PDB file of N, CA and C in Angstrom:
ATOM      1  N   MET A   1     100.436  83.333  74.979  1.00  0.00           N
ATOM      2  CA  MET A   1     101.483  84.240  75.428  1.00  0.00           C
ATOM      3  C   MET A   1     100.918  85.170  76.501  1.00  0.00           C
ATOM      4  N   LYS A   2     101.649  85.356  77.558  1.00  0.00           N
ATOM      5  CA  LYS A   2     101.226  86.207  78.671  1.00  0.00           C
ATOM      6  C   LYS A   2     101.521  87.672  78.386  1.00  0.00           C
ATOM      7  N   TRP A   3     100.792  88.530  79.076  1.00  0.00           N
ATOM      8  CA  TRP A   3     101.043  89.964  79.017  1.00  0.00           C
ATOM      9  C   TRP A   3     102.251  90.294  79.881  1.00  0.00           C
ATOM     10  N   THR A   4     103.008  91.307  79.467  1.00  0.00           N
ATOM     11  CA  THR A   4     104.127  91.788  80.271  1.00  0.00           C
ATOM     12  C   THR A   4     103.959  93.289  80.494  1.00  0.00           C
ATOM     13  N   ILE A   5     104.545  93.765  81.569  1.00  0.00           N
ATOM     14  CA  ILE A   5     104.489  95.185  81.905  1.00  0.00           C
ATOM     15  C   ILE A   5     105.866  95.792  81.678  1.00  0.00           C
ATOM     16  N   LEU A   6     105.896  96.875  80.918  1.00  0.00           N
ATOM     17  CA  LEU A   6     107.130  97.619  80.677  1.00  0.00           C
ATOM     18  C   LEU A   6     106.932  99.042  81.193  1.00  0.00           C
ATOM     19  N   TRP A   7     107.994  99.624  81.714  1.00  0.00           N
ATOM     20  CA  TRP A   7     107.942 100.996  82.230  1.00  0.00           C
ATOM     21  C   TRP A   7     108.780 101.885  81.327  1.00  0.00           C
ATOM     22  N   SER A   8     108.219 103.004  80.906  1.00  0.00           N
ATOM     23  CA  SER A   8     108.997 103.974  80.125  1.00  0.00           C
ATOM     24  C   SER A   8     109.994 104.648  81.057  1.00  0.00           C
ATOM     25  N   SER A   9     111.029 105.213  80.471  1.00  0.00           N
ATOM     26  CA  SER A   9     112.015 105.915  81.303  1.00  0.00           C
ATOM     27  C   SER A   9     111.366 107.127  81.975  1.00  0.00           C
ATOM     28  N   PHE A  10     110.399 107.758  81.306  1.00  0.00           N
ATOM     29  CA  PHE A  10     109.702 108.895  81.897  1.00  0.00           C
ATOM     30  C   PHE A  10     108.931 108.456  83.148  1.00  0.00           C
ATOM     31  N   ALA A  11     108.224 107.343  83.061  1.00  0.00           N
ATOM     32  CA  ALA A  11     107.470 106.837  84.213  1.00  0.00           C
ATOM     33  C   ALA A  11     108.420 106.465  85.358  1.00  0.00           C
ATOM     34  N   GLU A  12     109.557 105.892  85.024  1.00  0.00           N
ATOM     35  CA  GLU A  12     110.541 105.551  86.053  1.00  0.00           C
ATOM     36  C   GLU A  12     111.058 106.804  86.751  1.00  0.00           C
ATOM     37  N   LYS A  13     111.263 107.883  85.982  1.00  0.00           N
ATOM     38  CA  LYS A  13     111.705 109.148  86.577  1.00  0.00           C
ATOM     39  C   LYS A  13     110.630 109.719  87.495  1.00  0.00           C
ATOM     40  N   GLN A  14     109.375 109.562  87.105  1.00  0.00           N
ATOM     41  CA  GLN A  14     108.278 110.039  87.945  1.00  0.00           C
ATOM     42  C   GLN A  14     108.265 109.279  89.275  1.00  0.00           C
ATOM     43  N   ILE A  15     108.450 107.974  89.223  1.00  0.00           N
ATOM     44  CA  ILE A  15     108.496 107.153  90.441  1.00  0.00           C
ATOM     45  C   ILE A  15     109.652 107.608  91.327  1.00  0.00           C
ATOM     46  N   ALA A  16     110.811 107.839  90.726  1.00  0.00           N
ATOM     47  CA  ALA A  16     111.975 108.301  91.500  1.00  0.00           C
ATOM     48  C   ALA A  16     111.683 109.649  92.159  1.00  0.00           C
ATOM     49  N   GLY A  17     111.018 110.541  91.437  1.00  0.00           N
ATOM     50  CA  GLY A  17     110.669 111.843  91.993  1.00  0.00           C
ATOM     51  C   GLY A  17     109.675 111.732  93.138  1.00  0.00           C
ATOM     52  N   ILE A  18     108.718 110.847  93.000  1.00  0.00           N
ATOM     53  CA  ILE A  18     107.733 110.609  94.065  1.00  0.00           C
ATOM     54  C   ILE A  18     108.444 110.058  95.294  1.00  0.00           C
ATOM     55  N   HIS A  19     109.359 109.128  95.068  1.00  0.00           N
ATOM     56  CA  HIS A  19     110.126 108.550  96.174  1.00  0.00           C
ATOM     57  C   HIS A  19     110.913 109.639  96.915  1.00  0.00           C
ATOM     58  N   SER A  20     111.596 110.470  96.169  1.00  0.00           N
ATOM     59  CA  SER A  20     112.376 111.562  96.776  1.00  0.00           C
ATOM     60  C   SER A  20     111.478 112.525  97.550  1.00  0.00           C
ATOM     61  N   PHE A  21     110.327 112.841  96.985  1.00  0.00           N
ATOM     62  CA  PHE A  21     109.389 113.747  97.641  1.00  0.00           C
ATOM     63  C   PHE A  21     108.981 113.202  99.013  1.00  0.00           C
ATOM     64  N   TYR A  22     108.615 111.932  99.059  1.00  0.00           N
ATOM     65  CA  TYR A  22     108.153 111.358 100.326  1.00  0.00           C
ATOM     66  C   TYR A  22     109.284 111.134 101.326  1.00  0.00           C
ATOM     67  N   ILE A  23     110.493 110.933 100.845  1.00  0.00           N
ATOM     68  CA  ILE A  23     111.627 110.862 101.776  1.00  0.00           C
ATOM     69  C   ILE A  23     111.783 112.206 102.476  1.00  0.00           C
ATOM     70  N   ASP A  24     111.686 113.294 101.702  1.00  0.00           N
ATOM     71  CA  ASP A  24     111.841 114.640 102.264  1.00  0.00           C
ATOM     72  C   ASP A  24     110.647 115.066 103.113  1.00  0.00           C
ATOM     73  N   GLU A  25     109.436 114.756 102.657  1.00  0.00           N
ATOM     74  CA  GLU A  25     108.227 115.260 103.302  1.00  0.00           C
ATOM     75  C   GLU A  25     107.650 114.339 104.373  1.00  0.00           C
ATOM     76  N   ALA A  26     107.991 113.063 104.323  1.00  0.00           N
ATOM     77  CA  ALA A  26     107.431 112.114 105.299  1.00  0.00           C
ATOM     78  C   ALA A  26     108.574 111.324 105.940  1.00  0.00           C
ATOM     79  N   SER A  27     108.870 110.175 105.372  1.00  0.00           N
ATOM     80  CA  SER A  27     109.951 109.342 105.904  1.00  0.00           C
ATOM     81  C   SER A  27     110.359 108.319 104.856  1.00  0.00           C
ATOM     82  N   PRO A  28     111.534 107.726 105.006  1.00  0.00           N
ATOM     83  CA  PRO A  28     111.940 106.673 104.069  1.00  0.00           C
ATOM     84  C   PRO A  28     110.949 105.503 104.046  1.00  0.00           C
ATOM     85  N   LYS A  29     110.366 105.196 105.183  1.00  0.00           N
ATOM     86  CA  LYS A  29     109.407 104.091 105.257  1.00  0.00           C
ATOM     87  C   LYS A  29     108.162 104.395 104.419  1.00  0.00           C
ATOM     88  N   VAL A  30     107.643 105.609 104.529  1.00  0.00           N
ATOM     89  CA  VAL A  30     106.481 106.016 103.744  1.00  0.00           C
ATOM     90  C   VAL A  30     106.831 106.042 102.259  1.00  0.00           C
ATOM     91  N   ALA A  31     107.996 106.585 101.927  1.00  0.00           N
ATOM     92  CA  ALA A  31     108.444 106.650 100.534  1.00  0.00           C
ATOM     93  C   ALA A  31     108.513 105.253  99.921  1.00  0.00           C
ATOM     94  N   LYS A  32     109.055 104.322 100.659  1.00  0.00           N
ATOM     95  CA  LYS A  32     109.181 102.945 100.174  1.00  0.00           C
ATOM     96  C   LYS A  32     107.807 102.322  99.964  1.00  0.00           C
ATOM     97  N   LYS A  33     106.913 102.520 100.914  1.00  0.00           N
ATOM     98  CA  LYS A  33     105.578 101.928 100.832  1.00  0.00           C
ATOM     99  C   LYS A  33     104.810 102.457  99.614  1.00  0.00           C
ATOM    100  N   ILE A  34     104.868 103.765  99.400  1.00  0.00           N
ATOM    101  CA  ILE A  34     104.128 104.357  98.283  1.00  0.00           C
ATOM    102  C   ILE A  34     104.731 103.946  96.946  1.00  0.00           C
ATOM    103  N   THR A  35     106.039 103.994  96.820  1.00  0.00           N
ATOM    104  CA  THR A  35     106.646 103.634  95.535  1.00  0.00           C
ATOM    105  C   THR A  35     106.477 102.147  95.234  1.00  0.00           C
ATOM    106  N   GLN A  36     106.563 101.301  96.236  1.00  0.00           N
ATOM    107  CA  GLN A  36     106.332  99.873  95.999  1.00  0.00           C
ATOM    108  C   GLN A  36     104.886  99.623  95.561  1.00  0.00           C
ATOM    109  N   GLY A  37     103.959 100.351  96.168  1.00  0.00           N
ATOM    110  CA  GLY A  37     102.557 100.228  95.775  1.00  0.00           C
ATOM    111  C   GLY A  37     102.326 100.672  94.336  1.00  0.00           C
ATOM    112  N   LEU A  38     102.972 101.767  93.949  1.00  0.00           N
ATOM    113  CA  LEU A  38     102.849 102.256  92.571  1.00  0.00           C
ATOM    114  C   LEU A  38     103.420 101.249  91.574  1.00  0.00           C
ATOM    115  N   ILE A  39     104.534 100.653  91.920  1.00  0.00           N
ATOM    116  CA  ILE A  39     105.182  99.688  91.017  1.00  0.00           C
ATOM    117  C   ILE A  39     104.361  98.404  90.909  1.00  0.00           C
ATOM    118  N   LYS A  40     103.743  98.011  91.999  1.00  0.00           N
ATOM    119  CA  LYS A  40     102.965  96.771  92.025  1.00  0.00           C
ATOM    120  C   LYS A  40     101.574  96.925  91.405  1.00  0.00           C
ATOM    121  N   ALA A  41     100.990  98.111  91.474  1.00  0.00           N
ATOM    122  CA  ALA A  41      99.606  98.341  91.044  1.00  0.00           C
ATOM    123  C   ALA A  41      99.285  97.844  89.630  1.00  0.00           C
ATOM    124  N   PRO A  42     100.140  98.067  88.632  1.00  0.00           N
ATOM    125  CA  PRO A  42      99.792  97.615  87.276  1.00  0.00           C
ATOM    126  C   PRO A  42      99.686  96.095  87.117  1.00  0.00           C
ATOM    127  N   SER A  43     100.144  95.336  88.086  1.00  0.00           N
ATOM    128  CA  SER A  43     100.061  93.872  87.958  1.00  0.00           C
ATOM    129  C   SER A  43      98.607  93.403  87.858  1.00  0.00           C
ATOM    130  N   ILE A  44      97.671  94.208  88.328  1.00  0.00           N
ATOM    131  CA  ILE A  44      96.252  93.865  88.197  1.00  0.00           C
ATOM    132  C   ILE A  44      95.834  93.808  86.724  1.00  0.00           C
ATOM    133  N   LEU A  45      96.578  94.480  85.866  1.00  0.00           N
ATOM    134  CA  LEU A  45      96.260  94.529  84.443  1.00  0.00           C
ATOM    135  C   LEU A  45      96.668  93.260  83.698  1.00  0.00           C
ATOM    136  N   LEU A  46      97.493  92.434  84.307  1.00  0.00           N
ATOM    137  CA  LEU A  46      97.976  91.232  83.625  1.00  0.00           C
ATOM    138  C   LEU A  46      96.833  90.284  83.254  1.00  0.00           C
ATOM    139  N   LYS A  47      95.782  90.243  84.056  1.00  0.00           N
ATOM    140  CA  LYS A  47      94.634  89.385  83.751  1.00  0.00           C
ATOM    141  C   LYS A  47      93.641  90.074  82.817  1.00  0.00           C
ATOM    142  N   ASN A  48      93.530  91.386  82.938  1.00  0.00           N
ATOM    143  CA  ASN A  48      92.585  92.132  82.112  1.00  0.00           C
ATOM    144  C   ASN A  48      93.185  93.498  81.770  1.00  0.00           C
ATOM    145  N   PRO A  49      93.969  93.581  80.694  1.00  0.00           N
ATOM    146  CA  PRO A  49      94.672  94.817  80.352  1.00  0.00           C
ATOM    147  C   PRO A  49      93.762  96.019  80.081  1.00  0.00           C
ATOM    148  N   LYS A  50      92.531  95.779  79.678  1.00  0.00           N
ATOM    149  CA  LYS A  50      91.618  96.879  79.389  1.00  0.00           C
ATOM    150  C   LYS A  50      90.805  97.293  80.617  1.00  0.00           C
ATOM    151  N   LEU A  51      91.234  96.876  81.766  1.00  0.00           N
ATOM    152  CA  LEU A  51      90.553  97.205  83.011  1.00  0.00           C
ATOM    153  C   LEU A  51      90.512  98.707  83.256  1.00  0.00           C
ATOM    154  N   GLY A  52      91.583  99.392  82.944  1.00  0.00           N
ATOM    155  CA  GLY A  52      91.663 100.832  83.173  1.00  0.00           C
ATOM    156  C   GLY A  52      90.755 101.616  82.241  1.00  0.00           C
ATOM    157  N   GLN A  53      90.357 102.786  82.705  1.00  0.00           N
ATOM    158  CA  GLN A  53      89.525 103.670  81.894  1.00  0.00           C
ATOM    159  C   GLN A  53      90.384 104.383  80.857  1.00  0.00           C
ATOM    160  N   ILE A  54      89.750 104.805  79.768  1.00  0.00           N
ATOM    161  CA  ILE A  54      90.441 105.598  78.758  1.00  0.00           C
ATOM    162  C   ILE A  54      90.708 106.974  79.359  1.00  0.00           C
ATOM    163  N   GLU A  55      91.934 107.462  79.188  1.00  0.00           N
ATOM    164  CA  GLU A  55      92.322 108.771  79.731  1.00  0.00           C
ATOM    165  C   GLU A  55      91.707 109.875  78.871  1.00  0.00           C
ATOM    166  N   PRO A  56      90.718 110.613  79.404  1.00  0.00           N
ATOM    167  CA  PRO A  56      90.021 111.615  78.590  1.00  0.00           C
ATOM    168  C   PRO A  56      90.896 112.785  78.132  1.00  0.00           C
ATOM    169  N   SER A  57      91.882 113.167  78.901  1.00  0.00           N
ATOM    170  CA  SER A  57      92.703 114.314  78.495  1.00  0.00           C
ATOM    171  C   SER A  57      93.694 113.954  77.384  1.00  0.00           C
ATOM    172  N   LEU A  58      93.833 112.668  77.059  1.00  0.00           N
ATOM    173  CA  LEU A  58      94.739 112.245  75.988  1.00  0.00           C
ATOM    174  C   LEU A  58      93.978 111.607  74.824  1.00  0.00           C
ATOM    175  N   ILE A  59      92.675 111.787  74.801  1.00  0.00           N
ATOM    176  CA  ILE A  59      91.828 111.120  73.808  1.00  0.00           C
ATOM    177  C   ILE A  59      92.085 111.603  72.383  1.00  0.00           C
ATOM    178  N   ASP A  60      92.618 112.805  72.238  1.00  0.00           N
ATOM    179  CA  ASP A  60      92.865 113.350  70.901  1.00  0.00           C
ATOM    180  C   ASP A  60      94.146 112.801  70.253  1.00  0.00           C
ATOM    181  N   LEU A  61      94.898 111.993  70.976  1.00  0.00           N
ATOM    182  CA  LEU A  61      96.121 111.399  70.425  1.00  0.00           C
ATOM    183  C   LEU A  61      95.787 110.148  69.621  1.00  0.00           C
ATOM    184  N   LYS A  62      96.688 109.741  68.750  1.00  0.00           N
ATOM    185  CA  LYS A  62      96.443 108.569  67.901  1.00  0.00           C
ATOM    186  C   LYS A  62      96.449 107.262  68.702  1.00  0.00           C
ATOM    187  N   ILE A  63      97.218 107.229  69.763  1.00  0.00           N
ATOM    188  CA  ILE A  63      97.319 106.036  70.599  1.00  0.00           C
ATOM    189  C   ILE A  63      96.318 106.140  71.740  1.00  0.00           C
ATOM    190  N   GLU A  64      95.661 105.030  72.042  1.00  0.00           N
ATOM    191  CA  GLU A  64      94.710 105.012  73.156  1.00  0.00           C
ATOM    192  C   GLU A  64      95.474 104.824  74.469  1.00  0.00           C
ATOM    193  N   TYR A  65      95.280 105.778  75.370  1.00  0.00           N
ATOM    194  CA  TYR A  65      95.895 105.700  76.689  1.00  0.00           C
ATOM    195  C   TYR A  65      94.816 105.398  77.716  1.00  0.00           C
ATOM    196  N   ARG A  66      95.158 104.548  78.649  1.00  0.00           N
ATOM    197  CA  ARG A  66      94.261 104.174  79.739  1.00  0.00           C
ATOM    198  C   ARG A  66      94.955 104.470  81.057  1.00  0.00           C
ATOM    199  N   TYR A  67      94.193 104.393  82.134  1.00  0.00           N
ATOM    200  CA  TYR A  67      94.815 104.613  83.436  1.00  0.00           C
ATOM    201  C   TYR A  67      94.126 103.782  84.516  1.00  0.00           C
ATOM    202  N   ILE A  68      94.888 103.509  85.553  1.00  0.00           N
ATOM    203  CA  ILE A  68      94.360 102.961  86.796  1.00  0.00           C
ATOM    204  C   ILE A  68      94.785 103.911  87.905  1.00  0.00           C
ATOM    205  N   LEU A  69      94.130 103.826  89.020  1.00  0.00           N
ATOM    206  CA  LEU A  69      94.458 104.691  90.143  1.00  0.00           C
ATOM    207  C   LEU A  69      95.141 103.910  91.250  1.00  0.00           C
ATOM    208  N   TYR A  70      96.101 104.580  91.876  1.00  0.00           N
ATOM    209  CA  TYR A  70      96.699 104.092  93.114  1.00  0.00           C
ATOM    210  C   TYR A  70      96.810 105.305  94.029  1.00  0.00           C
ATOM    211  N   LYS A  71      96.053 105.295  95.096  1.00  0.00           N
ATOM    212  CA  LYS A  71      95.970 106.429  96.018  1.00  0.00           C
ATOM    213  C   LYS A  71      95.627 107.697  95.230  1.00  0.00           C
ATOM    214  N   THR A  72      96.473 108.704  95.224  1.00  0.00           N
ATOM    215  CA  THR A  72      96.185 109.943  94.492  1.00  0.00           C
ATOM    216  C   THR A  72      96.940 110.007  93.166  1.00  0.00           C
ATOM    217  N   TYR A  73      97.345 108.874  92.639  1.00  0.00           N
ATOM    218  CA  TYR A  73      98.138 108.833  91.408  1.00  0.00           C
ATOM    219  C   TYR A  73      97.412 108.093  90.293  1.00  0.00           C
ATOM    220  N   LYS A  74      97.502 108.657  89.096  1.00  0.00           N
ATOM    221  CA  LYS A  74      97.061 107.972  87.894  1.00  0.00           C
ATOM    222  C   LYS A  74      98.277 107.272  87.316  1.00  0.00           C
ATOM    223  N   ILE A  75      98.133 106.014  87.048  1.00  0.00           N
ATOM    224  CA  ILE A  75      99.166 105.250  86.359  1.00  0.00           C
ATOM    225  C   ILE A  75      98.662 105.108  84.919  1.00  0.00           C
ATOM    226  N   VAL A  76      99.265 105.867  84.017  1.00  0.00           N
ATOM    227  CA  VAL A  76      98.808 105.942  82.630  1.00  0.00           C
ATOM    228  C   VAL A  76      99.589 104.918  81.811  1.00  0.00           C
ATOM    229  N   TYR A  77      98.845 104.160  80.995  1.00  0.00           N
ATOM    230  CA  TYR A  77      99.484 103.114  80.207  1.00  0.00           C
ATOM    231  C   TYR A  77      98.833 102.998  78.839  1.00  0.00           C
ATOM    232  N   ARG A  78      99.517 102.304  77.961  1.00  0.00           N
ATOM    233  CA  ARG A  78      98.966 101.981  76.650  1.00  0.00           C
ATOM    234  C   ARG A  78      99.218 100.499  76.398  1.00  0.00           C
ATOM    235  N   LEU A  79      98.464  99.947  75.476  1.00  0.00           N
ATOM    236  CA  LEU A  79      98.571  98.521  75.186  1.00  0.00           C
ATOM    237  C   LEU A  79      99.181  98.295  73.809  1.00  0.00           C
ATOM    238  N   ASN A  80     100.036  97.298  73.736  1.00  0.00           N
ATOM    239  CA  ASN A  80     100.541  96.804  72.462  1.00  0.00           C
ATOM    240  C   ASN A  80      99.950  95.410  72.315  1.00  0.00           C
ATOM    241  N   MET A  81      98.833  95.332  71.607  1.00  0.00           N
ATOM    242  CA  MET A  81      98.097  94.067  71.494  1.00  0.00           C
ATOM    243  C   MET A  81      98.925  92.996  70.775  1.00  0.00           C
ATOM    244  N   GLU A  82      99.689  93.409  69.781  1.00  0.00           N
ATOM    245  CA  GLU A  82     100.469  92.462  68.987  1.00  0.00           C
ATOM    246  C   GLU A  82     101.511  91.742  69.850  1.00  0.00           C
ATOM    247  N   ASN A  83     102.231  92.498  70.684  1.00  0.00           N
ATOM    248  CA  ASN A  83     103.279  91.918  71.527  1.00  0.00           C
ATOM    249  C   ASN A  83     102.800  91.595  72.940  1.00  0.00           C
ATOM    250  N   ARG A  84     101.512  91.887  73.209  1.00  0.00           N
ATOM    251  CA  ARG A  84     100.918  91.649  74.525  1.00  0.00           C
ATOM    252  C   ARG A  84     101.727  92.343  75.625  1.00  0.00           C
ATOM    253  N   GLN A  85     101.940  93.639  75.407  1.00  0.00           N
ATOM    254  CA  GLN A  85     102.699  94.455  76.358  1.00  0.00           C
ATOM    255  C   GLN A  85     101.833  95.582  76.899  1.00  0.00           C
ATOM    256  N   ILE A  86     101.983  95.807  78.185  1.00  0.00           N
ATOM    257  CA  ILE A  86     101.365  96.933  78.871  1.00  0.00           C
ATOM    258  C   ILE A  86     102.506  97.893  79.148  1.00  0.00           C
ATOM    259  N   ARG A  87     102.475  99.056  78.536  1.00  0.00           N
ATOM    260  CA  ARG A  87     103.570 100.020  78.700  1.00  0.00           C
ATOM    261  C   ARG A  87     103.097 101.177  79.567  1.00  0.00           C
ATOM    262  N   VAL A  88     103.646 101.253  80.764  1.00  0.00           N
ATOM    263  CA  VAL A  88     103.338 102.355  81.670  1.00  0.00           C
ATOM    264  C   VAL A  88     104.142 103.556  81.195  1.00  0.00           C
ATOM    265  N   VAL A  89     103.428 104.647  80.872  1.00  0.00           N
ATOM    266  CA  VAL A  89     104.093 105.806  80.291  1.00  0.00           C
ATOM    267  C   VAL A  89     104.178 106.993  81.242  1.00  0.00           C
ATOM    268  N   ASP A  90     103.352 106.993  82.297  1.00  0.00           N
ATOM    269  CA  ASP A  90     103.352 108.135  83.207  1.00  0.00           C
ATOM    270  C   ASP A  90     102.749 107.739  84.543  1.00  0.00           C
ATOM    271  N   VAL A  91     103.208 108.401  85.572  1.00  0.00           N
ATOM    272  CA  VAL A  91     102.605 108.315  86.901  1.00  0.00           C
ATOM    273  C   VAL A  91     102.335 109.756  87.290  1.00  0.00           C
ATOM    274  N   PHE A  92     101.052 110.086  87.428  1.00  0.00           N
ATOM    275  CA  PHE A  92     100.629 111.473  87.538  1.00  0.00           C
ATOM    276  C   PHE A  92      99.832 111.691  88.822  1.00  0.00           C
ATOM    277  N   ASN A  93     100.237 112.684  89.604  1.00  0.00           N
ATOM    278  CA  ASN A  93      99.520 113.007  90.833  1.00  0.00           C
ATOM    279  C   ASN A  93      98.228 113.729  90.468  1.00  0.00           C
ATOM    280  N   THR A  94      97.109 113.184  90.861  1.00  0.00           N
ATOM    281  CA  THR A  94      95.811 113.749  90.483  1.00  0.00           C
ATOM    282  C   THR A  94      95.498 115.062  91.192  1.00  0.00           C
ATOM    283  N   ARG A  95      96.329 115.468  92.138  1.00  0.00           N
ATOM    284  CA  ARG A  95      96.126 116.757  92.801  1.00  0.00           C
ATOM    285  C   ARG A  95      96.705 117.910  91.975  1.00  0.00           C
ATOM    286  N   GLN A  96      97.307 117.584  90.839  1.00  0.00           N
ATOM    287  CA  GLN A  96      97.834 118.608  89.933  1.00  0.00           C
ATOM    288  C   GLN A  96      96.756 119.001  88.926  1.00  0.00           C
ATOM    289  N   ASN A  97      97.014 120.072  88.210  1.00  0.00           N
ATOM    290  CA  ASN A  97      96.133 120.491  87.138  1.00  0.00           C
ATOM    291  C   ASN A  97      96.146 119.408  86.062  1.00  0.00           C
ATOM    292  N   PRO A  98      94.982 118.878  85.654  1.00  0.00           N
ATOM    293  CA  PRO A  98      94.947 117.809  84.649  1.00  0.00           C
ATOM    294  C   PRO A  98      95.599 118.183  83.318  1.00  0.00           C
ATOM    295  N   LYS A  99      95.677 119.472  83.020  1.00  0.00           N
ATOM    296  CA  LYS A  99      96.324 119.903  81.765  1.00  0.00           C
ATOM    297  C   LYS A  99      97.799 119.529  81.740  1.00  0.00           C
ATOM    298  N   LYS A 100      98.398 119.348  82.922  1.00  0.00           N
ATOM    299  CA  LYS A 100      99.816 118.968  82.983  1.00  0.00           C
ATOM    300  C   LYS A 100     100.065 117.556  82.486  1.00  0.00           C
ATOM    301  N   LEU A 101      99.010 116.757  82.377  1.00  0.00           N
ATOM    302  CA  LEU A 101      99.180 115.393  81.918  1.00  0.00           C
ATOM    303  C   LEU A 101      99.681 115.341  80.468  1.00  0.00           C
ATOM    304  N   LYS A 102      99.444 116.392  79.713  1.00  0.00           N
ATOM    305  CA  LYS A 102      99.890 116.440  78.319  1.00  0.00           C
ATOM    306  C   LYS A 102     101.324 116.961  78.189  1.00  0.00           C
ATOM    307  N   ARG A 103     102.039 117.071  79.299  1.00  0.00           N
ATOM    308  CA  ARG A 103     103.411 117.577  79.244  1.00  0.00           C
ATOM    309  C   ARG A 103     104.259 116.658  78.376  1.00  0.00           C
ATOM    310  N   ASN A 104     105.353 117.178  77.883  1.00  0.00           N
ATOM    311  CA  ASN A 104     106.224 116.384  77.001  1.00  0.00           C
ATOM    312  C   ASN A 104     106.897 115.289  77.787  1.00  0.00           C
ATOM    313  N   LYS A 105     106.929 114.139  77.170  1.00  0.00           N
ATOM    314  CA  LYS A 105     107.513 112.970  77.820  1.00  0.00           C
ATOM    315  C   LYS A 105     108.727 112.525  77.045  1.00  0.00           C
TER     316      LYS A 105
END
């Protein structure tokens, strides 16, 4: 059975917010390029889901969270080994205070 990638509604909202930000601050072309890159980036995990590092600021939680980087963004995910699912739970700009990563989702 192959691995699949699922996006949480929170992560989808983060992508939408990033898209809106770049439309306002740069251009629609830049917004499209960055959001497409963010959406495509987790596909690297399909061959090796544990490729990402363990997220140190979420280590105290019961679930193990990992992340990969795309430009200045952390794509935070968790694994469901039983169903072979990679669930993207957050897209976080690394230029923010890392304590914000624990915000309610």
